[in-house]
Amino acid sequence: MSTKLTVSEVGPRDGLQSLAQVMPLSAKKAWIAAEAAAGVGEIEVGSFVPDKLLPQMEDTAQLVAFAKTLPNLEVAVLVPNLRGAERAIEAGADKISIPFSMSETHSLNNVRKNHARMLEEIRAIADLVNQQPTKSRPYFEVGLSTAFGCTMEGPISADAVTRLAEKTIAAGAMELCLSDTTGYANPAQVRNLSKQVKNAVGADKLNSLHLHNTRGLGLANVVAGLEAGITTFDASLCGLGGCPFAPGASGNIVTEDLVFMLNAMGLDCGIDLDALLKVRTILANALPDEPLYGFTADAGVPLGYLSSSQSAAAS
C-alpha cells in the first residue's frame, strides 16, 4: 500500500448538486476554506453545467476564484462538455473532470450523448487543454462513471470498461478515475477492475476512485483500491450527495470516516481529523434540514488515537 494518499473533497459539487436547497455562497466559501486549512489538498468546488439544470452550481466560477486564493489547494471542477471546459479554463480551474458513463443508457440520460459522441467530446476537450499555456494548463481527468454497475443497465463487464478506458486515454485524457456512481461495487470487483484497467492503460493513468457507500461497502472498497495501488479517493463531508440521474445512488463516502480510517492505518493523507470534524458545523448551520452522516462524528475518536498532525509532531 502507498503511504502518501490524497483525499479529494467532492462535497461542494457532488454533495450539493442533488439537494433541493441551495447553500449560500458565503457558506460554501467558509466550507472550502476550513477544509483547506485542515489539510485537504484537493477540493472539487462545483461544476460548469447550465444554471437552469443545476442552480446549486451557478456560483462555481466565483468559488474557483475564491479557492484559487487559498494556499496549497488543487481547485477541481466537473464539466459535462466542451462548453463547460471552456468556462472552467476561463475561471482558472487547476483540474477538469468530465464524467464518461460506461453505461450508454446512463450516458444518454446524464449528458445526452452515446459513447461515440462522448469520445469526440473528450478529444475536443483534450485538444483545448493542450492549447493552453503550459503554466496555466489544467489537468484533464475523465471519470469512468457507472464502472461497477448501473441502475438502468445492471452489471457492466470489466472488459467493456477496459476497452472504453483505452479509447479514453487514446482520445487525450491525462488520467482516469473509476467511479462507483450507483453504489454497486464490492471489494473484489474494485481490486480486480482497478488492476485490469491499470494493466491496460498504464499504472500511472489510473490513480483515483470515486466510491459511494450506498450499500455500506464504501470503506471496504477503499481498502481494496489501496491494495490495487490507488492513491486518490473522492469523499464528501458528512456523506452528502449522489447522482441525480442515477436513482437510488445516494451516499458518498464520508470524508471524516475515510480520514479516520487512513490515519488509523498509519497512512498519510495530510489531514487533521480534529479540524475536519469541526467543519461539519458549517454544513449543519447552512443546511439545517439536511441529514448529515458520519460514524466518526457520532462515536468520537478512540482513546489514544493520533490525528495526522499529532502523528507528525510526535515523530
Protein backbone atom coordinates (compact mmCIF):
# COMPACT_ATOMS: atom_id res chain seq x y z
CA MET A 1 0.00 0.00 0.00
CA SER A 2 1.11 3.55 -0.69
CA THR A 3 1.74 5.67 2.40
CA LYS A 4 1.12 9.03 0.69
CA LEU A 5 -2.52 9.43 -0.27
CA THR A 6 -4.89 12.13 -1.47
CA VAL A 7 -8.43 12.59 -0.17
CA SER A 8 -10.31 14.68 -2.72
CA GLU A 9 -13.28 16.51 -1.23
CA VAL A 10 -16.20 16.46 -3.69
CA GLY A 11 -18.94 17.67 -1.34
CA PRO A 12 -19.28 21.21 -2.75
CA ARG A 13 -20.09 19.61 -6.11
CA ASP A 14 -21.36 16.05 -5.73
CA GLY A 15 -22.69 16.65 -2.25
CA LEU A 16 -24.76 19.70 -3.11
CA GLN A 17 -25.91 19.04 -6.67
CA SER A 18 -28.78 16.75 -5.70
CA LEU A 19 -30.10 18.78 -2.75
CA ALA A 20 -33.31 20.74 -3.12
CA GLN A 21 -31.96 23.73 -1.19
CA VAL A 22 -29.12 25.90 -2.39
CA MET A 23 -26.26 26.54 0.02
CA PRO A 24 -25.37 30.26 0.25
CA LEU A 25 -22.14 31.28 -1.44
CA SER A 26 -20.72 32.57 1.86
CA ALA A 27 -21.23 29.15 3.48
CA LYS A 28 -19.61 27.36 0.55
CA LYS A 29 -16.58 29.63 0.82
CA ALA A 30 -16.36 29.02 4.57
CA TRP A 31 -16.59 25.26 3.98
CA ILE A 32 -13.85 25.23 1.34
CA ALA A 33 -11.54 27.47 3.36
CA ALA A 34 -11.99 25.41 6.53
CA GLU A 35 -11.25 22.13 4.77
CA ALA A 36 -8.18 23.59 3.09
CA ALA A 37 -6.98 24.80 6.49
CA ALA A 38 -7.49 21.27 7.85
CA GLY A 39 -5.08 19.96 5.23
CA VAL A 40 -7.40 18.84 2.42
CA GLY A 41 -5.28 19.37 -0.68
CA GLU A 42 -7.85 18.90 -3.44
CA ILE A 43 -11.45 20.13 -3.47
CA GLU A 44 -13.98 19.85 -6.29
CA VAL A 45 -15.68 23.20 -5.76
CA GLY A 46 -18.50 22.88 -8.30
CA SER A 47 -19.47 22.08 -11.87
CA PHE A 48 -19.91 24.14 -15.01
CA VAL A 49 -23.32 22.91 -16.05
CA PRO A 50 -26.16 25.15 -17.29
CA ASP A 51 -27.65 27.06 -14.36
CA LYS A 52 -31.18 26.05 -15.34
CA LEU A 53 -30.27 22.38 -14.87
CA LEU A 54 -28.43 22.70 -11.56
CA PRO A 55 -28.98 26.09 -9.91
CA GLN A 56 -26.98 24.75 -6.96
CA MET A 57 -23.87 25.15 -9.15
CA GLU A 58 -24.45 28.63 -10.60
CA ASP A 59 -21.73 30.21 -8.43
CA THR A 60 -18.97 27.81 -9.48
CA ALA A 61 -16.86 30.47 -11.23
CA GLN A 62 -16.92 32.59 -8.07
CA LEU A 63 -15.90 29.59 -6.00
CA VAL A 64 -12.98 28.82 -8.31
CA ALA A 65 -11.78 32.41 -8.00
CA PHE A 66 -12.04 32.24 -4.21
CA ALA A 67 -10.45 28.82 -3.87
CA LYS A 68 -7.51 29.88 -6.03
CA THR A 69 -6.55 32.35 -3.27
CA LEU A 70 -6.09 29.52 -0.75
CA PRO A 71 -2.54 28.14 -0.42
CA ASN A 72 -1.63 24.58 -1.39
CA LEU A 73 -5.07 23.76 -2.79
CA GLU A 74 -5.78 21.97 -6.07
CA VAL A 75 -9.04 23.50 -7.34
CA ALA A 76 -11.08 20.95 -9.28
CA VAL A 77 -14.34 21.23 -11.20
CA LEU A 78 -16.60 18.91 -13.14
CA VAL A 79 -17.70 19.71 -16.68
CA PRO A 80 -20.31 17.97 -18.85
CA ASN A 81 -18.99 19.02 -22.26
CA LEU A 82 -16.61 21.24 -24.24
CA ARG A 83 -18.50 24.42 -23.36
CA GLY A 84 -18.18 23.57 -19.68
CA ALA A 85 -14.45 23.01 -20.16
CA GLU A 86 -14.13 26.42 -21.80
CA ARG A 87 -15.82 28.03 -18.81
CA ALA A 88 -13.60 26.09 -16.41
CA ILE A 89 -10.47 27.25 -18.18
CA GLU A 90 -11.72 30.84 -18.22
CA ALA A 91 -12.29 30.59 -14.47
CA GLY A 92 -8.79 29.24 -13.87
CA ALA A 93 -9.53 25.75 -12.52
CA ASP A 94 -6.48 23.60 -11.80
CA LYS A 95 -8.21 20.34 -12.65
CA ILE A 96 -11.09 19.49 -15.01
CA SER A 97 -13.04 16.24 -14.82
CA ILE A 98 -15.70 15.02 -17.21
CA PRO A 99 -17.92 12.00 -16.50
CA PHE A 100 -17.94 9.31 -19.18
CA SER A 101 -20.53 6.71 -18.28
CA MET A 102 -19.67 3.10 -19.06
CA SER A 103 -23.43 2.55 -19.28
CA GLU A 104 -24.63 4.05 -22.53
CA THR A 105 -28.17 4.34 -21.16
CA HIS A 106 -26.90 6.37 -18.19
CA SER A 107 -24.76 8.49 -20.53
CA LEU A 108 -27.78 9.38 -22.63
CA ASN A 109 -29.74 10.32 -19.51
CA ASN A 110 -26.89 12.21 -17.87
CA VAL A 111 -25.26 14.16 -20.72
CA ARG A 112 -27.42 13.25 -23.76
CA LYS A 113 -24.56 11.57 -25.63
CA ASN A 114 -23.75 7.99 -26.64
CA HIS A 115 -20.25 6.54 -26.26
CA ALA A 116 -19.01 7.62 -29.68
CA ARG A 117 -20.08 11.22 -29.14
CA MET A 118 -18.58 11.27 -25.65
CA LEU A 119 -15.22 10.17 -27.03
CA GLU A 120 -15.43 13.01 -29.56
CA GLU A 121 -16.17 15.42 -26.70
CA ILE A 122 -13.22 14.12 -24.69
CA ARG A 123 -10.93 14.53 -27.70
CA ALA A 124 -12.13 18.11 -28.21
CA ILE A 125 -11.53 18.98 -24.54
CA ALA A 126 -8.08 17.40 -24.63
CA ASP A 127 -7.22 19.49 -27.69
CA LEU A 128 -8.47 22.63 -25.93
CA VAL A 129 -6.43 21.84 -22.81
CA ASN A 130 -3.29 21.24 -24.86
CA GLN A 131 -3.71 24.65 -26.49
CA GLN A 132 -3.36 26.41 -23.12
CA PRO A 133 -0.03 27.82 -21.92
CA THR A 134 1.95 25.19 -20.06
CA LYS A 135 2.00 27.11 -16.77
CA SER A 136 -1.78 27.58 -16.70
CA ARG A 137 -2.83 24.32 -18.34
CA PRO A 138 -5.40 22.44 -16.24
CA TYR A 139 -5.08 18.75 -15.52
CA PHE A 140 -7.67 16.78 -17.50
CA GLU A 141 -9.17 13.70 -15.90
CA VAL A 142 -12.02 11.53 -17.18
CA GLY A 143 -14.24 9.80 -14.64
CA LEU A 144 -15.41 6.41 -15.88
CA SER A 145 -18.80 6.55 -14.18
CA THR A 146 -21.05 3.53 -13.56
CA ALA A 147 -17.88 1.45 -13.99
CA PHE A 148 -19.08 -1.12 -11.46
CA GLY A 149 -22.75 -1.30 -12.44
CA CYS A 150 -25.74 0.81 -13.43
CA THR A 151 -29.24 1.19 -12.03
CA MET A 152 -30.51 1.31 -15.64
CA GLU A 153 -28.45 -1.43 -17.33
CA GLY A 154 -27.30 -3.56 -14.42
CA PRO A 155 -23.78 -5.08 -14.44
CA ILE A 156 -21.14 -3.58 -16.73
CA SER A 157 -18.47 -6.05 -17.86
CA ALA A 158 -14.86 -5.38 -16.85
CA ASP A 159 -13.76 -5.95 -20.45
CA ALA A 160 -16.18 -3.31 -21.73
CA VAL A 161 -14.89 -0.81 -19.15
CA THR A 162 -11.30 -1.63 -20.09
CA ARG A 163 -11.92 -1.12 -23.81
CA LEU A 164 -13.53 2.26 -23.17
CA ALA A 165 -10.70 3.19 -20.79
CA GLU A 166 -8.17 2.53 -23.55
CA LYS A 167 -10.18 4.63 -26.01
CA THR A 168 -10.42 7.44 -23.45
CA ILE A 169 -6.66 7.61 -22.98
CA ALA A 170 -6.19 7.46 -26.76
CA ALA A 171 -8.60 10.42 -27.05
CA GLY A 172 -6.28 12.53 -24.88
CA ALA A 173 -7.30 12.12 -21.24
CA MET A 174 -4.35 12.61 -18.89
CA GLU A 175 -5.77 10.28 -16.25
CA LEU A 176 -8.79 8.15 -15.40
CA CYS A 177 -10.93 7.73 -12.30
CA LEU A 178 -13.10 4.66 -11.76
CA SER A 179 -16.45 5.77 -10.37
CA ASP A 180 -18.99 3.67 -8.48
CA THR A 181 -21.76 6.12 -9.36
CA THR A 182 -24.55 3.79 -8.29
CA GLY A 183 -23.05 2.11 -5.23
CA TYR A 184 -22.83 -1.33 -6.87
CA ALA A 185 -19.15 -2.09 -6.23
CA ASN A 186 -17.75 -4.73 -3.90
CA PRO A 187 -14.11 -5.06 -2.78
CA ALA A 188 -13.21 -7.94 -5.09
CA GLN A 189 -14.64 -6.05 -8.05
CA VAL A 190 -12.80 -2.84 -7.13
CA ARG A 191 -9.49 -4.68 -6.73
CA ASN A 192 -9.83 -6.66 -9.96
CA LEU A 193 -11.11 -3.87 -12.19
CA SER A 194 -8.52 -1.40 -10.90
CA LYS A 195 -5.72 -3.83 -11.69
CA GLN A 196 -7.17 -4.73 -15.10
CA VAL A 197 -7.55 -1.12 -16.21
CA LYS A 198 -4.10 -0.20 -14.85
CA ASN A 199 -2.57 -3.05 -16.84
CA ALA A 200 -4.36 -1.88 -19.98
CA VAL A 201 -3.68 1.87 -19.89
CA GLY A 202 -0.60 2.12 -17.68
CA ALA A 203 -0.37 2.21 -13.91
CA ASP A 204 0.18 5.98 -13.90
CA LYS A 205 -3.05 6.62 -15.83
CA LEU A 206 -5.39 5.28 -13.12
CA ASN A 207 -4.85 6.62 -9.61
CA SER A 208 -8.34 7.62 -8.44
CA LEU A 209 -11.56 6.04 -7.21
CA HIS A 210 -14.93 7.71 -6.67
CA LEU A 211 -16.89 5.44 -4.35
CA HIS A 212 -20.34 5.59 -2.79
CA ASN A 213 -21.46 3.98 0.45
CA THR A 214 -24.95 3.16 -0.79
CA ARG A 215 -24.82 -0.43 0.46
CA GLY A 216 -22.28 0.05 3.26
CA LEU A 217 -19.21 -1.09 1.32
CA GLY A 218 -17.55 2.28 0.75
CA LEU A 219 -14.59 1.98 3.12
CA ALA A 220 -14.10 -1.72 2.35
CA ASN A 221 -13.84 -0.71 -1.30
CA VAL A 222 -11.23 1.92 -0.38
CA VAL A 223 -9.06 -0.79 1.17
CA ALA A 224 -9.43 -2.87 -1.99
CA GLY A 225 -8.38 0.16 -4.01
CA LEU A 226 -5.33 0.66 -1.80
CA GLU A 227 -4.34 -2.94 -2.43
CA ALA A 228 -4.59 -2.27 -6.18
CA GLY A 229 -2.33 0.79 -6.00
CA ILE A 230 -4.97 3.54 -5.99
CA THR A 231 -3.73 6.70 -4.26
CA THR A 232 -6.60 9.23 -4.58
CA PHE A 233 -10.08 8.74 -3.12
CA ASP A 234 -13.08 11.04 -3.52
CA ALA A 235 -15.25 11.67 -0.47
CA SER A 236 -17.91 14.10 0.72
CA LEU A 237 -18.08 15.82 4.09
CA CYS A 238 -20.99 14.46 6.15
CA GLY A 239 -21.66 11.93 3.38
CA LEU A 240 -23.69 14.38 1.32
CA GLY A 241 -24.54 13.58 -2.24
CA GLY A 242 -25.37 11.18 -5.01
CA CYS A 243 -26.10 11.26 -8.71
CA PRO A 244 -29.41 12.96 -9.65
CA PHE A 245 -29.54 10.88 -12.85
CA ALA A 246 -28.97 7.51 -11.16
CA PRO A 247 -31.99 6.68 -8.97
CA GLY A 248 -31.07 5.25 -5.57
CA ALA A 249 -27.39 6.18 -5.85
CA SER A 250 -27.21 8.01 -2.55
CA GLY A 251 -24.34 8.11 -0.15
CA ASN A 252 -20.85 9.35 -0.97
CA ILE A 253 -18.12 8.09 1.35
CA VAL A 254 -17.97 10.29 4.45
CA THR A 255 -14.75 12.30 4.31
CA GLU A 256 -14.31 12.24 8.08
CA ASP A 257 -14.69 8.45 8.28
CA LEU A 258 -12.25 7.96 5.41
CA VAL A 259 -9.63 10.20 7.03
CA PHE A 260 -10.08 8.41 10.37
CA MET A 261 -9.54 5.02 8.72
CA LEU A 262 -6.47 6.11 6.77
CA ASN A 263 -4.88 7.80 9.78
CA ALA A 264 -5.68 4.79 11.99
CA MET A 265 -3.98 2.53 9.42
CA GLY A 266 -0.86 4.69 9.59
CA LEU A 267 -1.34 6.05 6.07
CA ASP A 268 -0.54 9.68 5.37
CA CYS A 269 -3.26 11.84 3.81
CA GLY A 270 -2.06 15.07 5.44
CA ILE A 271 -5.43 15.92 7.01
CA ASP A 272 -6.05 16.88 10.64
CA LEU A 273 -9.15 14.93 11.64
CA ASP A 274 -9.94 17.12 14.65
CA ALA A 275 -10.00 20.21 12.44
CA LEU A 276 -12.00 18.39 9.77
CA LEU A 277 -14.71 17.33 12.21
CA LYS A 278 -15.24 20.97 13.19
CA VAL A 279 -16.10 21.84 9.58
CA ARG A 280 -19.35 19.88 9.99
CA THR A 281 -20.75 22.83 11.96
CA ILE A 282 -20.70 24.97 8.80
CA LEU A 283 -22.88 22.44 6.98
CA ALA A 284 -25.19 21.95 9.94
CA ASN A 285 -25.84 25.69 10.13
CA ALA A 286 -26.20 26.22 6.36
CA LEU A 287 -28.32 23.10 5.73
CA PRO A 288 -30.45 22.77 8.88
CA ASP A 289 -32.98 20.39 7.31
CA GLU A 290 -30.44 18.10 5.65
CA PRO A 291 -29.38 14.84 7.36
CA LEU A 292 -25.63 14.67 7.99
CA TYR A 293 -23.86 11.32 8.22
CA GLY A 294 -20.66 10.03 9.77
CA PHE A 295 -19.80 7.31 12.26
CA THR A 296 -16.67 9.07 13.50
CA ALA A 297 -18.57 12.27 14.28
CA ASP A 298 -21.20 10.29 16.20
CA ALA A 299 -18.87 7.97 18.13
CA GLY A 300 -15.81 10.18 18.52
CA VAL A 301 -12.23 9.02 18.14
CA PRO A 302 -10.95 6.18 20.34
CA LEU A 303 -8.59 6.70 23.27
CA GLY A 304 -5.02 7.02 22.09
CA TYR A 305 -5.88 7.91 18.50
CA LEU A 306 -3.45 10.35 16.86
CA SER A 307 -4.54 12.62 14.03
CA SER A 308 -2.27 13.31 11.09
CA SER A 309 -0.84 16.48 12.62
CA GLN A 310 -0.33 14.84 16.03
CA SER A 311 1.50 11.90 14.46
CA ALA A 312 3.80 14.30 12.63
CA ALA A 313 4.51 16.25 15.83
CA ALA A 314 5.24 13.04 17.75
CA SER A 315 7.79 11.94 15.18
